[in-house]
C-alpha cells in the first residue's frame, strides 16, 4: 500500500507511514488511506468516495480535499 501514497511527498511528510488504495471509473472515484502520524505514532484511516452518474468527477478536487484532511489530522 505504501508504494503510491496517493497524495504526493509533501502531503505525506508528516506521516511515518502512509498507505493508499484507490479506484475509479467514469463518474466514480474512491480513495482510502492508512497513516501513522509521526508526532505520536497514532494510526488513522481516511476514506472518501465520490460519485456522479451524470458526469465525470474531478480527481484533482478530491485529491485536494483528502490532502487537506491529512494535513489537519497530522497536527
N, C-alpha and C. Protein backbone atom coordinates (compact mmCIF):
# COMPACT_ATOMS: atom_id res chain seq x y z
N UNK A 1 0.81 -1.20 0.00
CA UNK A 1 0.00 0.00 0.00
C UNK A 1 0.85 1.26 0.00
N UNK A 2 2.07 1.22 0.48
CA UNK A 2 2.84 2.44 0.66
C UNK A 2 3.68 2.82 -0.55
N UNK A 3 3.70 2.03 -1.60
CA UNK A 3 4.48 2.39 -2.78
C UNK A 3 3.95 3.68 -3.39
N UNK A 4 2.64 3.79 -3.52
CA UNK A 4 1.99 5.01 -4.01
C UNK A 4 1.10 5.51 -2.87
N UNK A 5 1.47 6.67 -2.28
CA UNK A 5 0.67 7.16 -1.15
C UNK A 5 -0.56 7.94 -1.60
N UNK A 6 -0.74 8.15 -2.89
CA UNK A 6 -1.95 8.76 -3.42
C UNK A 6 -2.01 10.27 -3.37
N UNK A 7 -1.15 10.90 -2.56
CA UNK A 7 -1.24 12.35 -2.38
C UNK A 7 0.08 13.08 -2.60
N UNK A 8 1.17 12.38 -2.83
CA UNK A 8 2.45 13.01 -3.08
C UNK A 8 3.30 13.19 -1.84
N UNK A 9 4.60 13.47 -2.03
CA UNK A 9 5.54 13.53 -0.92
C UNK A 9 5.30 14.67 0.06
N UNK A 10 4.85 15.81 -0.38
CA UNK A 10 4.62 16.94 0.53
C UNK A 10 3.51 16.63 1.52
N UNK A 11 2.42 16.04 1.05
CA UNK A 11 1.30 15.70 1.93
C UNK A 11 1.64 14.54 2.86
N UNK A 12 2.60 13.71 2.47
CA UNK A 12 2.97 12.55 3.28
C UNK A 12 4.07 12.86 4.30
N UNK A 13 4.61 14.06 4.27
CA UNK A 13 5.78 14.40 5.08
C UNK A 13 5.54 14.28 6.59
N UNK A 14 4.34 14.52 7.06
CA UNK A 14 4.05 14.46 8.50
C UNK A 14 3.66 13.06 8.97
N UNK A 15 3.75 12.10 8.11
CA UNK A 15 3.33 10.74 8.43
C UNK A 15 4.52 9.80 8.33
N UNK A 16 4.70 8.93 9.33
CA UNK A 16 5.79 7.96 9.25
C UNK A 16 5.43 6.82 8.30
N UNK A 17 4.14 6.58 8.12
CA UNK A 17 3.65 5.61 7.15
C UNK A 17 2.37 6.16 6.54
N UNK A 18 2.25 6.07 5.24
CA UNK A 18 1.02 6.46 4.57
C UNK A 18 0.80 5.51 3.40
N UNK A 19 -0.19 4.64 3.54
CA UNK A 19 -0.54 3.69 2.50
C UNK A 19 -1.83 4.10 1.82
N UNK A 20 -1.97 3.74 0.56
CA UNK A 20 -3.10 4.21 -0.23
C UNK A 20 -3.65 3.09 -1.11
N UNK A 21 -4.95 3.07 -1.23
CA UNK A 21 -5.64 2.23 -2.22
C UNK A 21 -6.80 3.04 -2.77
N UNK A 22 -6.90 3.12 -4.05
CA UNK A 22 -7.98 3.87 -4.67
C UNK A 22 -8.50 3.16 -5.90
N UNK A 23 -9.55 3.72 -6.45
CA UNK A 23 -10.13 3.16 -7.65
C UNK A 23 -11.03 4.18 -8.33
N UNK A 24 -11.25 3.97 -9.61
CA UNK A 24 -12.10 4.90 -10.34
C UNK A 24 -12.68 4.25 -11.58
N UNK A 25 -13.76 4.82 -12.01
CA UNK A 25 -14.37 4.55 -13.30
C UNK A 25 -15.20 5.80 -13.62
N UNK A 26 -15.76 5.88 -14.78
CA UNK A 26 -16.49 7.08 -15.18
C UNK A 26 -17.57 7.42 -14.14
N UNK A 27 -17.45 8.59 -13.54
CA UNK A 27 -18.43 9.05 -12.57
C UNK A 27 -18.24 8.55 -11.15
N UNK A 28 -17.17 7.77 -10.90
CA UNK A 28 -16.93 7.21 -9.57
C UNK A 28 -15.44 7.33 -9.24
N UNK A 29 -15.15 7.77 -8.01
CA UNK A 29 -13.77 7.88 -7.55
C UNK A 29 -13.74 7.53 -6.07
N UNK A 30 -12.76 6.73 -5.65
CA UNK A 30 -12.62 6.39 -4.24
C UNK A 30 -11.16 6.43 -3.84
N UNK A 31 -10.91 6.84 -2.60
CA UNK A 31 -9.57 6.87 -2.03
C UNK A 31 -9.66 6.38 -0.58
N UNK A 32 -8.75 5.51 -0.20
CA UNK A 32 -8.64 5.06 1.18
C UNK A 32 -7.17 5.10 1.57
N UNK A 33 -6.90 5.68 2.73
CA UNK A 33 -5.52 5.81 3.20
C UNK A 33 -5.40 5.33 4.63
N UNK A 34 -4.26 4.74 4.95
CA UNK A 34 -3.91 4.32 6.30
C UNK A 34 -2.62 5.04 6.64
N UNK A 35 -2.65 5.83 7.72
CA UNK A 35 -1.47 6.60 8.08
C UNK A 35 -1.12 6.50 9.54
N UNK A 36 0.20 6.52 9.80
CA UNK A 36 0.70 6.61 11.16
C UNK A 36 1.35 7.97 11.33
N UNK A 37 0.80 8.74 12.27
CA UNK A 37 1.26 10.11 12.50
C UNK A 37 2.64 10.09 13.14
N UNK A 38 3.56 10.92 12.60
CA UNK A 38 4.92 10.99 13.13
C UNK A 38 4.96 11.50 14.56
N UNK A 39 4.13 12.47 14.88
CA UNK A 39 4.24 13.15 16.18
C UNK A 39 3.97 12.24 17.37
N UNK A 40 3.06 11.28 17.25
CA UNK A 40 2.72 10.44 18.40
C UNK A 40 2.51 8.97 18.07
N UNK A 41 2.68 8.59 16.82
CA UNK A 41 2.55 7.19 16.43
C UNK A 41 1.13 6.67 16.29
N UNK A 42 0.12 7.54 16.46
CA UNK A 42 -1.27 7.10 16.33
C UNK A 42 -1.59 6.79 14.86
N UNK A 43 -2.46 5.81 14.69
CA UNK A 43 -2.89 5.38 13.36
C UNK A 43 -4.24 5.99 13.02
N UNK A 44 -4.41 6.36 11.76
CA UNK A 44 -5.66 6.94 11.27
C UNK A 44 -6.04 6.30 9.94
N UNK A 45 -7.33 6.21 9.69
CA UNK A 45 -7.86 5.76 8.40
C UNK A 45 -8.70 6.89 7.83
N UNK A 46 -8.43 7.22 6.59
CA UNK A 46 -9.21 8.22 5.86
C UNK A 46 -9.75 7.52 4.62
N UNK A 47 -11.05 7.62 4.42
CA UNK A 47 -11.65 7.05 3.22
C UNK A 47 -12.67 8.03 2.66
N UNK A 48 -12.69 8.14 1.35
CA UNK A 48 -13.59 9.10 0.71
C UNK A 48 -14.06 8.51 -0.62
N UNK A 49 -15.32 8.68 -0.90
CA UNK A 49 -15.89 8.25 -2.17
C UNK A 49 -16.72 9.37 -2.77
N UNK A 50 -16.72 9.45 -4.08
CA UNK A 50 -17.46 10.49 -4.78
C UNK A 50 -18.05 9.85 -6.03
N UNK A 51 -19.33 10.04 -6.23
CA UNK A 51 -19.92 9.54 -7.47
C UNK A 51 -20.91 10.54 -8.03
N UNK A 52 -21.04 10.51 -9.32
CA UNK A 52 -21.96 11.34 -10.06
C UNK A 52 -22.36 10.56 -11.31
N UNK A 53 -23.55 10.03 -11.36
CA UNK A 53 -23.94 9.21 -12.51
C UNK A 53 -24.07 10.01 -13.82
N UNK A 54 -24.09 11.34 -13.72
CA UNK A 54 -24.30 12.15 -14.91
C UNK A 54 -23.03 12.75 -15.51
N UNK A 55 -21.89 12.68 -14.79
CA UNK A 55 -20.68 13.31 -15.30
C UNK A 55 -19.45 12.74 -14.60
N UNK A 56 -18.29 12.96 -15.21
CA UNK A 56 -17.03 12.56 -14.59
C UNK A 56 -16.79 13.40 -13.35
N UNK A 57 -16.16 12.81 -12.34
CA UNK A 57 -15.82 13.55 -11.12
C UNK A 57 -14.38 14.04 -11.24
N UNK A 58 -14.05 15.09 -10.49
CA UNK A 58 -12.74 15.72 -10.59
C UNK A 58 -11.74 15.06 -9.64
N UNK A 59 -10.77 14.37 -10.21
CA UNK A 59 -9.71 13.76 -9.42
C UNK A 59 -8.93 14.82 -8.65
N UNK A 60 -8.60 15.93 -9.30
CA UNK A 60 -7.82 17.00 -8.65
C UNK A 60 -8.55 17.56 -7.43
N UNK A 61 -9.84 17.77 -7.54
CA UNK A 61 -10.61 18.29 -6.41
C UNK A 61 -10.60 17.30 -5.26
N UNK A 62 -10.81 16.03 -5.56
CA UNK A 62 -10.86 15.03 -4.49
C UNK A 62 -9.50 14.87 -3.83
N UNK A 63 -8.43 14.82 -4.60
CA UNK A 63 -7.09 14.71 -4.02
C UNK A 63 -6.81 15.93 -3.15
N UNK A 64 -7.24 17.11 -3.58
CA UNK A 64 -7.06 18.31 -2.78
C UNK A 64 -7.78 18.23 -1.44
N UNK A 65 -9.00 17.71 -1.44
CA UNK A 65 -9.75 17.56 -0.19
C UNK A 65 -9.10 16.55 0.75
N UNK A 66 -8.67 15.43 0.21
CA UNK A 66 -8.02 14.41 1.03
C UNK A 66 -6.68 14.92 1.56
N UNK A 67 -5.94 15.63 0.73
CA UNK A 67 -4.66 16.21 1.16
C UNK A 67 -4.86 17.18 2.30
N UNK A 68 -5.88 18.02 2.23
CA UNK A 68 -6.19 18.97 3.32
C UNK A 68 -6.58 18.23 4.59
N UNK A 69 -7.39 17.20 4.47
CA UNK A 69 -7.79 16.41 5.64
C UNK A 69 -6.57 15.77 6.30
N UNK A 70 -5.66 15.22 5.50
CA UNK A 70 -4.44 14.62 6.05
C UNK A 70 -3.59 15.67 6.77
N UNK A 71 -3.52 16.85 6.20
CA UNK A 71 -2.76 17.93 6.83
C UNK A 71 -3.34 18.30 8.21
N UNK A 72 -4.65 18.37 8.28
CA UNK A 72 -5.31 18.68 9.56
C UNK A 72 -5.13 17.54 10.58
N UNK A 73 -5.21 16.31 10.12
CA UNK A 73 -5.08 15.16 11.02
C UNK A 73 -3.65 14.97 11.51
N UNK A 74 -2.69 15.48 10.77
CA UNK A 74 -1.28 15.32 11.15
C UNK A 74 -0.88 16.22 12.29
N UNK A 75 -1.68 17.19 12.63
CA UNK A 75 -1.35 18.17 13.68
C UNK A 75 -1.64 17.64 15.05
